């Protein structure tokens, strides 16, 4: 098997599960994943936050998808040419470039590079967003699309899951060793 087919270089095959529910009640993930422990890569759906929040032993940690965060900034920039959105996109592009370089490398090498090179970018982006959030009108499309609040408040910057250091909800927490 070519390494480009298995860029994670793991010893087993990856797994993806799609579980149908008739509604989007945020209790569904907790029911579907009652026996799950570990790191769960998710989008911004509140049901996943509830799942992790209900585990007092922190047996479920969420790793948010950066594609979802980036998309709101991309759409906002495409329609407004906002320099704030452009700056976020530039910084995310730097992270994606690092990921392209380390694709198909062993897990420990990817983790090392993410800690050395990606983590500082994520930390700087977090600080930059905190500094600039007040410049974004609460009535703007950027706020309505929840890109800025999501990036800061929902943990996106703490979850450079597919391409950076693994953060939990707070910046003082140690990165996870379990995701590579």
N, C-alpha and C. Protein backbone atom coordinates (compact mmCIF):
# COMPACT_ATOMS: atom_id res chain seq x y z
N UNK A 1 0.84 -1.17 0.00
CA UNK A 1 0.00 0.00 0.00
C UNK A 1 0.89 1.24 0.00
N UNK A 2 0.59 2.19 -0.84
CA UNK A 2 1.37 3.41 -0.93
C UNK A 2 1.14 4.30 0.28
N UNK A 3 2.18 5.02 0.69
CA UNK A 3 2.07 5.87 1.87
C UNK A 3 1.08 7.02 1.65
N UNK A 4 0.87 7.42 0.40
CA UNK A 4 -0.08 8.50 0.16
C UNK A 4 -1.51 8.05 0.40
N UNK A 5 -1.75 6.76 0.42
CA UNK A 5 -3.08 6.25 0.70
C UNK A 5 -3.32 6.20 2.21
N UNK A 6 -2.25 6.00 2.98
CA UNK A 6 -2.36 5.93 4.43
C UNK A 6 -1.45 6.97 5.07
N UNK A 7 -1.77 8.26 4.94
CA UNK A 7 -0.87 9.30 5.42
C UNK A 7 -0.69 9.32 6.92
N UNK A 8 -1.54 8.67 7.68
CA UNK A 8 -1.42 8.68 9.13
C UNK A 8 -0.39 7.68 9.61
N UNK A 9 0.04 6.76 8.76
CA UNK A 9 1.07 5.76 9.07
C UNK A 9 0.75 4.95 10.32
N UNK A 10 -0.49 4.76 10.60
CA UNK A 10 -0.88 3.99 11.78
C UNK A 10 -0.82 2.50 11.52
N UNK A 11 -0.79 1.71 12.59
CA UNK A 11 -0.71 0.26 12.45
C UNK A 11 -2.04 -0.37 12.07
N UNK A 12 -3.16 0.37 12.18
CA UNK A 12 -4.47 -0.18 11.84
C UNK A 12 -5.17 0.76 10.88
N UNK A 13 -6.27 0.29 10.36
CA UNK A 13 -7.07 1.11 9.46
C UNK A 13 -7.85 2.16 10.25
N UNK A 14 -8.06 3.33 9.68
CA UNK A 14 -8.88 4.33 10.37
C UNK A 14 -10.33 3.87 10.37
N UNK A 15 -11.12 4.46 11.23
CA UNK A 15 -12.54 4.11 11.31
C UNK A 15 -13.38 5.37 11.26
N UNK A 16 -14.49 5.28 10.56
CA UNK A 16 -15.47 6.35 10.51
C UNK A 16 -16.81 5.70 10.73
N UNK A 17 -17.62 6.30 11.60
CA UNK A 17 -18.95 5.77 11.86
C UNK A 17 -19.98 6.85 11.58
N UNK A 18 -21.01 6.49 10.85
CA UNK A 18 -22.13 7.37 10.60
C UNK A 18 -23.34 6.72 11.25
N UNK A 19 -23.92 7.41 12.22
CA UNK A 19 -25.07 6.87 12.94
C UNK A 19 -26.24 7.80 12.70
N UNK A 20 -27.32 7.24 12.21
CA UNK A 20 -28.49 8.04 11.87
C UNK A 20 -29.35 8.31 13.10
N UNK A 21 -29.86 9.52 13.19
CA UNK A 21 -30.87 9.88 14.18
C UNK A 21 -31.92 10.71 13.46
N UNK A 22 -33.17 10.59 13.88
CA UNK A 22 -34.26 11.29 13.21
C UNK A 22 -34.27 12.79 13.50
N UNK A 23 -33.49 13.22 14.47
CA UNK A 23 -33.46 14.64 14.80
C UNK A 23 -32.03 15.03 15.18
N UNK A 24 -31.84 16.30 15.50
CA UNK A 24 -30.51 16.80 15.87
C UNK A 24 -30.43 17.19 17.34
N UNK A 25 -31.17 16.49 18.17
CA UNK A 25 -31.13 16.77 19.60
C UNK A 25 -29.72 16.51 20.11
N UNK A 26 -29.24 17.42 20.96
CA UNK A 26 -27.85 17.29 21.38
C UNK A 26 -27.61 16.16 22.37
N UNK A 27 -28.65 15.41 22.72
CA UNK A 27 -28.45 14.22 23.57
C UNK A 27 -28.07 13.00 22.75
N UNK A 28 -28.24 13.05 21.45
CA UNK A 28 -27.98 11.88 20.60
C UNK A 28 -26.53 11.38 20.66
N UNK A 29 -25.53 12.25 20.52
CA UNK A 29 -24.16 11.74 20.59
C UNK A 29 -23.85 11.03 21.91
N UNK A 30 -24.38 11.53 23.00
CA UNK A 30 -24.14 10.88 24.30
C UNK A 30 -24.71 9.46 24.30
N UNK A 31 -25.87 9.28 23.70
CA UNK A 31 -26.46 7.95 23.64
C UNK A 31 -25.69 7.04 22.69
N UNK A 32 -25.37 7.56 21.51
CA UNK A 32 -24.66 6.75 20.51
C UNK A 32 -23.26 6.37 20.96
N UNK A 33 -22.62 7.24 21.72
CA UNK A 33 -21.22 7.04 22.09
C UNK A 33 -21.05 6.77 23.59
N UNK A 34 -22.03 6.14 24.18
CA UNK A 34 -22.01 5.92 25.63
C UNK A 34 -20.79 5.14 26.09
N UNK A 35 -20.30 4.22 25.29
CA UNK A 35 -19.16 3.39 25.69
C UNK A 35 -17.83 3.92 25.17
N UNK A 36 -17.86 5.00 24.41
CA UNK A 36 -16.65 5.52 23.80
C UNK A 36 -15.77 6.25 24.81
N UNK A 37 -14.48 6.04 24.70
CA UNK A 37 -13.49 6.84 25.43
C UNK A 37 -12.39 7.19 24.45
N UNK A 38 -11.77 8.34 24.66
CA UNK A 38 -10.67 8.74 23.80
C UNK A 38 -10.91 10.09 23.18
N UNK A 39 -10.26 10.33 22.06
CA UNK A 39 -10.36 11.60 21.36
C UNK A 39 -11.31 11.42 20.19
N UNK A 40 -12.26 12.33 20.10
CA UNK A 40 -13.28 12.27 19.07
C UNK A 40 -13.17 13.50 18.19
N UNK A 41 -12.90 13.30 16.90
CA UNK A 41 -12.82 14.44 15.99
C UNK A 41 -14.23 14.79 15.55
N UNK A 42 -14.58 16.08 15.73
CA UNK A 42 -15.96 16.51 15.52
C UNK A 42 -16.03 17.84 14.79
N UNK A 43 -17.24 18.16 14.34
CA UNK A 43 -17.51 19.51 13.85
C UNK A 43 -17.99 20.33 15.05
N UNK A 44 -18.63 21.43 14.84
CA UNK A 44 -19.02 22.31 15.94
C UNK A 44 -20.36 22.00 16.58
N UNK A 45 -20.95 20.87 16.26
CA UNK A 45 -22.27 20.50 16.78
C UNK A 45 -22.26 20.44 18.31
N UNK A 46 -23.21 21.12 18.93
CA UNK A 46 -23.25 21.22 20.39
C UNK A 46 -23.43 19.88 21.10
N UNK A 47 -24.01 18.90 20.43
CA UNK A 47 -24.19 17.60 21.06
C UNK A 47 -22.87 16.95 21.45
N UNK A 48 -21.83 17.21 20.67
CA UNK A 48 -20.52 16.65 21.02
C UNK A 48 -19.94 17.36 22.24
N UNK A 49 -20.17 18.67 22.33
CA UNK A 49 -19.70 19.38 23.52
C UNK A 49 -20.40 18.85 24.76
N UNK A 50 -21.69 18.55 24.62
CA UNK A 50 -22.43 17.99 25.75
C UNK A 50 -21.86 16.63 26.14
N UNK A 51 -21.57 15.80 25.15
CA UNK A 51 -21.00 14.48 25.41
C UNK A 51 -19.72 14.59 26.23
N UNK A 52 -18.83 15.45 25.82
CA UNK A 52 -17.56 15.60 26.53
C UNK A 52 -17.78 16.25 27.89
N UNK A 53 -18.66 17.23 27.94
CA UNK A 53 -18.90 17.94 29.18
C UNK A 53 -19.51 17.09 30.28
N UNK A 54 -20.26 16.08 29.88
CA UNK A 54 -20.89 15.20 30.86
C UNK A 54 -19.93 14.17 31.43
N UNK A 55 -18.79 14.01 30.85
CA UNK A 55 -17.80 13.04 31.33
C UNK A 55 -16.88 13.72 32.33
N UNK A 56 -17.19 13.59 33.60
CA UNK A 56 -16.38 14.25 34.63
C UNK A 56 -14.97 13.68 34.69
N UNK A 57 -14.79 12.45 34.20
CA UNK A 57 -13.46 11.85 34.20
C UNK A 57 -12.64 12.26 32.97
N UNK A 58 -13.22 13.13 32.13
CA UNK A 58 -12.56 13.59 30.90
C UNK A 58 -12.17 12.43 29.99
N UNK A 59 -12.96 11.38 29.97
CA UNK A 59 -12.66 10.21 29.16
C UNK A 59 -12.94 10.45 27.68
N UNK A 60 -13.63 11.54 27.36
CA UNK A 60 -13.85 11.93 25.97
C UNK A 60 -13.28 13.33 25.80
N UNK A 61 -12.39 13.46 24.84
CA UNK A 61 -11.82 14.77 24.51
C UNK A 61 -12.17 15.07 23.07
N UNK A 62 -12.57 16.30 22.84
CA UNK A 62 -13.00 16.69 21.50
C UNK A 62 -11.86 17.32 20.72
N UNK A 63 -11.78 16.94 19.48
CA UNK A 63 -10.83 17.52 18.54
C UNK A 63 -11.67 18.12 17.41
N UNK A 64 -11.78 19.44 17.39
CA UNK A 64 -12.63 20.10 16.42
C UNK A 64 -11.97 20.13 15.04
N UNK A 65 -12.81 20.12 14.02
CA UNK A 65 -12.35 20.12 12.64
C UNK A 65 -12.08 21.55 12.16
N UNK A 66 -10.85 21.80 11.73
CA UNK A 66 -10.50 23.14 11.28
C UNK A 66 -11.12 23.51 9.94
N UNK A 67 -11.52 22.55 9.15
CA UNK A 67 -12.17 22.86 7.89
C UNK A 67 -13.46 23.63 8.16
N UNK A 68 -14.19 23.23 9.19
CA UNK A 68 -15.43 23.92 9.53
C UNK A 68 -15.16 25.35 9.99
N UNK A 69 -14.14 25.54 10.79
CA UNK A 69 -13.80 26.89 11.24
C UNK A 69 -13.34 27.75 10.06
N UNK A 70 -12.47 27.19 9.23
CA UNK A 70 -11.91 27.94 8.12
C UNK A 70 -13.00 28.35 7.12
N UNK A 71 -13.97 27.46 6.91
CA UNK A 71 -15.01 27.72 5.90
C UNK A 71 -15.74 29.04 6.16
N UNK A 72 -16.09 29.33 7.39
CA UNK A 72 -16.81 30.57 7.69
C UNK A 72 -15.95 31.79 7.35
N UNK A 73 -14.66 31.72 7.67
CA UNK A 73 -13.76 32.82 7.32
C UNK A 73 -13.62 32.94 5.81
N UNK A 74 -13.51 31.82 5.11
CA UNK A 74 -13.37 31.82 3.66
C UNK A 74 -14.59 32.46 3.01
N UNK A 75 -15.78 32.02 3.43
CA UNK A 75 -17.01 32.56 2.84
C UNK A 75 -17.15 34.06 3.12
N UNK A 76 -16.82 34.46 4.33
CA UNK A 76 -16.90 35.86 4.67
C UNK A 76 -15.91 36.67 3.84
N UNK A 77 -14.70 36.17 3.69
CA UNK A 77 -13.69 36.88 2.90
C UNK A 77 -14.08 36.94 1.43
N UNK A 78 -14.64 35.87 0.90
CA UNK A 78 -15.05 35.86 -0.51
C UNK A 78 -16.09 36.93 -0.80
N UNK A 79 -16.96 37.18 0.15
CA UNK A 79 -18.02 38.15 -0.10
C UNK A 79 -17.66 39.58 0.32
N UNK A 80 -16.68 39.76 1.20
CA UNK A 80 -16.39 41.10 1.73
C UNK A 80 -14.96 41.57 1.52
N UNK A 81 -14.06 40.65 1.24
CA UNK A 81 -12.63 40.96 1.15
C UNK A 81 -12.09 41.49 2.49
N UNK A 82 -12.66 41.05 3.58
CA UNK A 82 -12.27 41.49 4.91
C UNK A 82 -10.80 41.20 5.18
N UNK A 83 -10.02 42.19 5.59
CA UNK A 83 -8.61 41.94 5.93
C UNK A 83 -8.47 41.06 7.18
N UNK A 84 -9.45 41.11 8.08
CA UNK A 84 -9.40 40.24 9.25
C UNK A 84 -9.55 38.77 8.84
N UNK A 85 -10.52 38.50 8.00
CA UNK A 85 -10.71 37.13 7.52
C UNK A 85 -9.50 36.69 6.69
N UNK A 86 -8.94 37.58 5.89
CA UNK A 86 -7.76 37.24 5.08
C UNK A 86 -6.59 36.84 5.97
N UNK A 87 -6.42 37.53 7.07
CA UNK A 87 -5.32 37.21 7.99
C UNK A 87 -5.51 35.82 8.60
N UNK A 88 -6.72 35.49 8.98
CA UNK A 88 -6.98 34.16 9.53
C UNK A 88 -6.69 33.10 8.47
N UNK A 89 -7.15 33.32 7.26
CA UNK A 89 -6.92 32.36 6.17
C UNK A 89 -5.43 32.18 5.90
N UNK A 90 -4.68 33.26 5.96
CA UNK A 90 -3.23 33.18 5.74
C UNK A 90 -2.58 32.30 6.81
N UNK A 91 -2.98 32.48 8.04
CA UNK A 91 -2.38 31.70 9.13
C UNK A 91 -2.79 30.23 9.06
N UNK A 92 -4.02 29.97 8.71
CA UNK A 92 -4.46 28.58 8.55
C UNK A 92 -3.74 27.93 7.38
N UNK A 93 -3.49 28.69 6.32
CA UNK A 93 -2.75 28.16 5.17
C UNK A 93 -1.34 27.74 5.58
N UNK A 94 -0.74 28.48 6.49
CA UNK A 94 0.60 28.10 6.97
C UNK A 94 0.54 26.76 7.69
N UNK A 95 -0.52 26.53 8.43
CA UNK A 95 -0.68 25.24 9.12
C UNK A 95 -0.89 24.12 8.11
N UNK A 96 -1.71 24.38 7.10
CA UNK A 96 -1.94 23.37 6.07
C UNK A 96 -0.65 23.03 5.33
N UNK A 97 0.19 24.03 5.11
CA UNK A 97 1.47 23.80 4.43
C UNK A 97 2.37 22.88 5.26
N UNK A 98 2.37 23.08 6.56
CA UNK A 98 3.16 22.20 7.43
C UNK A 98 2.62 20.78 7.34
N UNK A 99 1.31 20.64 7.34
CA UNK A 99 0.71 19.31 7.23
C UNK A 99 1.10 18.62 5.92
N UNK A 100 1.14 19.38 4.84
CA UNK A 100 1.52 18.80 3.55
C UNK A 100 2.95 18.27 3.61
N UNK A 101 3.81 18.97 4.32
CA UNK A 101 5.21 18.55 4.45
C UNK A 101 5.35 17.26 5.25
N UNK A 102 4.52 17.07 6.25
CA UNK A 102 4.71 15.93 7.16
C UNK A 102 3.78 14.76 6.85
N UNK A 103 2.94 14.90 5.84
CA UNK A 103 2.05 13.80 5.46
C UNK A 103 2.88 12.56 5.15
N UNK A 104 2.41 11.44 5.63
CA UNK A 104 3.04 10.13 5.43
C UNK A 104 4.29 9.92 6.29
N UNK A 105 4.55 10.84 7.20
CA UNK A 105 5.65 10.65 8.15
C UNK A 105 5.13 9.86 9.35
N UNK A 106 6.00 9.19 10.08
CA UNK A 106 5.57 8.46 11.27
C UNK A 106 4.90 9.40 12.29
N UNK A 107 4.03 8.84 13.08
CA UNK A 107 3.24 9.62 14.03
C UNK A 107 4.10 10.47 14.95
N UNK A 108 5.17 9.93 15.48
CA UNK A 108 6.01 10.71 16.39
C UNK A 108 6.68 11.89 15.69
N UNK A 109 7.04 11.72 14.44
CA UNK A 109 7.63 12.83 13.68
C UNK A 109 6.59 13.92 13.44
N UNK A 110 5.37 13.51 13.08
CA UNK A 110 4.30 14.49 12.88
C UNK A 110 4.03 15.24 14.18
N UNK A 111 3.99 14.52 15.28
CA UNK A 111 3.74 15.16 16.57
C UNK A 111 4.85 16.16 16.91
N UNK A 112 6.09 15.78 16.69
CA UNK A 112 7.22 16.67 16.98
C UNK A 112 7.14 17.94 16.14
N UNK A 113 6.89 17.79 14.85
CA UNK A 113 6.81 18.96 13.97
C UNK A 113 5.62 19.84 14.36
N UNK A 114 4.51 19.22 14.69
CA UNK A 114 3.35 20.00 15.10
C UNK A 114 3.62 20.79 16.37
N UNK A 115 4.31 20.18 17.30
CA UNK A 115 4.65 20.89 18.54
C UNK A 115 5.65 22.02 18.26
N UNK A 116 6.65 21.74 17.45
CA UNK A 116 7.71 22.73 17.18
C UNK A 116 7.26 23.86 16.25
N UNK A 117 6.50 23.53 15.21
CA UNK A 117 6.18 24.52 14.19
C UNK A 117 4.73 24.97 14.18
N UNK A 118 3.80 24.05 14.37
CA UNK A 118 2.39 24.41 14.28
C UNK A 118 1.86 25.04 15.56
N UNK A 119 2.26 24.53 16.68
CA UNK A 119 1.75 25.06 17.94
C UNK A 119 1.99 26.57 18.08
N UNK A 120 3.19 27.09 17.77
CA UNK A 120 3.36 28.55 17.87
C UNK A 120 2.41 29.33 16.95
N UNK A 121 2.13 28.80 15.78
CA UNK A 121 1.20 29.47 14.86
C UNK A 121 -0.20 29.49 15.47
N UNK A 122 -0.61 28.36 16.04
CA UNK A 122 -1.94 28.28 16.66
C UNK A 122 -2.03 29.24 17.84
N UNK A 123 -0.99 29.27 18.67
CA UNK A 123 -1.00 30.19 19.82
C UNK A 123 -1.06 31.64 19.36
N UNK A 124 -0.29 31.99 18.33
CA UNK A 124 -0.31 33.36 17.82
C UNK A 124 -1.67 33.70 17.21
N UNK A 125 -2.28 32.74 16.51
CA UNK A 125 -3.60 32.98 15.94
C UNK A 125 -4.63 33.18 17.06
N UNK A 126 -4.55 32.39 18.08
CA UNK A 126 -5.46 32.54 19.22
C UNK A 126 -5.34 33.94 19.82
N UNK A 127 -4.10 34.37 20.06
CA UNK A 127 -3.88 35.71 20.62
C UNK A 127 -4.36 36.80 19.67
N UNK A 128 -4.11 36.62 18.39
CA UNK A 128 -4.51 37.60 17.38
C UNK A 128 -6.04 37.72 17.35
N UNK A 129 -6.74 36.60 17.38
CA UNK A 129 -8.20 36.65 17.38
C UNK A 129 -8.72 37.32 18.64
N UNK A 130 -8.15 37.01 19.76
CA UNK A 130 -8.56 37.66 21.02
C UNK A 130 -8.38 39.17 20.93
N UNK A 131 -7.30 39.60 20.32
CA UNK A 131 -7.01 41.02 20.19
C UNK A 131 -7.99 41.70 19.24
N UNK A 132 -8.40 41.01 18.19
CA UNK A 132 -9.20 41.63 17.14
C UNK A 132 -10.70 41.38 17.24
N UNK A 133 -11.15 40.56 18.17
CA UNK A 133 -12.59 40.25 18.25
C UNK A 133 -13.43 41.50 18.43
N UNK A 134 -12.92 42.48 19.15
CA UNK A 134 -13.69 43.70 19.39
C UNK A 134 -13.86 44.54 18.13
N UNK A 135 -13.06 44.29 17.11
CA UNK A 135 -13.17 45.04 15.85
C UNK A 135 -14.29 44.52 14.97
N UNK A 136 -14.85 43.37 15.32
CA UNK A 136 -15.90 42.76 14.50
C UNK A 136 -17.25 43.11 15.08
N UNK A 137 -18.08 43.76 14.29
CA UNK A 137 -19.41 44.16 14.72
C UNK A 137 -20.25 42.93 15.05
N UNK A 138 -21.00 43.04 16.12
CA UNK A 138 -21.91 41.96 16.50
C UNK A 138 -22.98 41.71 15.47
N UNK A 139 -23.23 42.70 14.60
CA UNK A 139 -24.24 42.56 13.55
C UNK A 139 -23.66 42.09 12.22
N UNK A 140 -22.36 41.85 12.17
CA UNK A 140 -21.73 41.49 10.89
C UNK A 140 -22.01 40.03 10.52
N UNK A 141 -21.87 39.74 9.25
CA UNK A 141 -22.02 38.35 8.80
C UNK A 141 -20.99 37.45 9.47
N UNK A 142 -19.81 37.99 9.72
CA UNK A 142 -18.77 37.18 10.34
C UNK A 142 -19.23 36.73 11.73
N UNK A 143 -19.81 37.61 12.49
CA UNK A 143 -20.35 37.22 13.80
C UNK A 143 -21.53 36.28 13.63
N UNK A 144 -22.44 36.57 12.70
CA UNK A 144 -23.61 35.71 12.50
C UNK A 144 -23.22 34.31 12.05
N UNK A 145 -22.17 34.21 11.26
CA UNK A 145 -21.72 32.90 10.83
C UNK A 145 -20.94 32.20 11.94
N UNK A 146 -20.77 32.87 13.04
CA UNK A 146 -20.12 32.40 14.26
C UNK A 146 -18.66 32.03 14.09
N UNK A 147 -18.00 32.56 13.08
CA UNK A 147 -16.59 32.22 12.89
C UNK A 147 -15.74 32.77 14.03
N UNK A 148 -15.86 34.05 14.33
CA UNK A 148 -15.03 34.61 15.39
C UNK A 148 -15.40 34.02 16.75
N UNK A 149 -16.69 34.03 17.15
CA UNK A 149 -17.01 33.45 18.45
C UNK A 149 -16.65 31.96 18.51
N UNK A 150 -16.87 31.24 17.42
CA UNK A 150 -16.54 29.81 17.44
C UNK A 150 -15.05 29.59 17.58
N UNK A 151 -14.28 30.39 16.85
CA UNK A 151 -12.84 30.21 16.90
C UNK A 151 -12.30 30.45 18.30
N UNK A 152 -12.92 31.35 19.01
CA UNK A 152 -12.44 31.65 20.35
C UNK A 152 -13.17 30.82 21.40
N UNK A 153 -14.50 30.78 21.33
CA UNK A 153 -15.27 30.21 22.41
C UNK A 153 -15.53 28.73 22.35
N UNK A 154 -15.53 28.14 21.20
CA UNK A 154 -15.90 26.74 21.10
C UNK A 154 -14.72 25.80 21.05
N UNK A 155 -13.55 26.31 21.12
CA UNK A 155 -12.40 25.43 21.19
C UNK A 155 -11.71 25.14 19.87
N UNK A 156 -12.07 25.83 18.81
CA UNK A 156 -11.44 25.54 17.52
C UNK A 156 -9.93 25.71 17.58
N UNK A 157 -9.49 26.78 18.20
CA UNK A 157 -8.07 27.04 18.22
C UNK A 157 -7.32 26.06 19.10
N UNK A 158 -8.04 25.38 19.95
CA UNK A 158 -7.42 24.41 20.83
C UNK A 158 -7.44 23.02 20.21
N UNK A 159 -7.87 22.93 18.99
CA UNK A 159 -8.09 21.62 18.39
C UNK A 159 -7.54 21.53 16.98
N UNK A 160 -6.31 21.84 16.81
CA UNK A 160 -5.71 21.72 15.49
C UNK A 160 -5.50 20.23 15.28
N UNK A 161 -6.62 19.53 15.08
CA UNK A 161 -6.64 18.09 15.23
C UNK A 161 -5.96 17.35 14.11
N UNK A 162 -6.24 17.75 12.91
CA UNK A 162 -5.64 17.02 11.81
C UNK A 162 -4.32 17.60 11.40
N UNK A 163 -3.95 18.73 12.02
CA UNK A 163 -2.76 19.38 11.52
C UNK A 163 -1.96 20.19 12.51
N UNK A 164 -2.11 19.97 13.78
CA UNK A 164 -1.31 20.75 14.73
C UNK A 164 -1.30 20.12 16.10
N UNK A 165 -0.83 20.87 17.05
CA UNK A 165 -0.77 20.36 18.42
C UNK A 165 -2.17 20.10 18.95
N UNK A 166 -2.27 19.17 19.86
CA UNK A 166 -3.57 18.78 20.39
C UNK A 166 -3.83 19.51 21.70
N UNK A 167 -4.80 20.38 21.65
CA UNK A 167 -5.14 21.18 22.82
C UNK A 167 -6.47 20.70 23.37
N UNK A 168 -6.70 20.92 24.63
CA UNK A 168 -8.02 20.71 25.20
C UNK A 168 -8.72 22.06 25.25
N UNK A 169 -9.65 22.26 26.09
CA UNK A 169 -10.42 23.51 26.10
C UNK A 169 -9.64 24.71 26.58
N UNK A 170 -8.66 24.56 27.43
CA UNK A 170 -7.94 25.73 27.93
C UNK A 170 -6.50 25.72 27.47
N UNK A 171 -5.93 26.87 27.31
CA UNK A 171 -4.57 26.98 26.81
C UNK A 171 -3.56 26.42 27.79
N UNK A 172 -3.91 26.33 29.07
CA UNK A 172 -2.96 25.84 30.06
C UNK A 172 -2.89 24.33 30.10
N UNK A 173 -3.82 23.66 29.42
CA UNK A 173 -3.82 22.21 29.42
C UNK A 173 -2.72 21.67 28.54
N UNK A 174 -2.23 20.52 28.88
CA UNK A 174 -1.17 19.89 28.08
C UNK A 174 -1.77 19.27 26.84
N UNK A 175 -1.05 19.24 25.73
CA UNK A 175 -1.56 18.61 24.53
C UNK A 175 -1.67 17.10 24.73
N UNK A 176 -2.59 16.53 23.99
CA UNK A 176 -2.79 15.09 24.09
C UNK A 176 -1.65 14.33 23.42
N UNK A 177 -1.27 13.24 24.00
CA UNK A 177 -0.28 12.37 23.38
C UNK A 177 -0.94 11.29 22.54
N UNK A 178 -2.26 11.22 22.60
CA UNK A 178 -2.93 10.09 22.00
C UNK A 178 -3.29 10.29 20.55
N UNK A 179 -3.29 11.49 20.04
CA UNK A 179 -3.60 11.71 18.62
C UNK A 179 -2.32 12.11 17.94
N UNK A 180 -2.08 11.56 16.81
CA UNK A 180 -0.87 11.91 16.06
C UNK A 180 -1.27 12.26 14.66
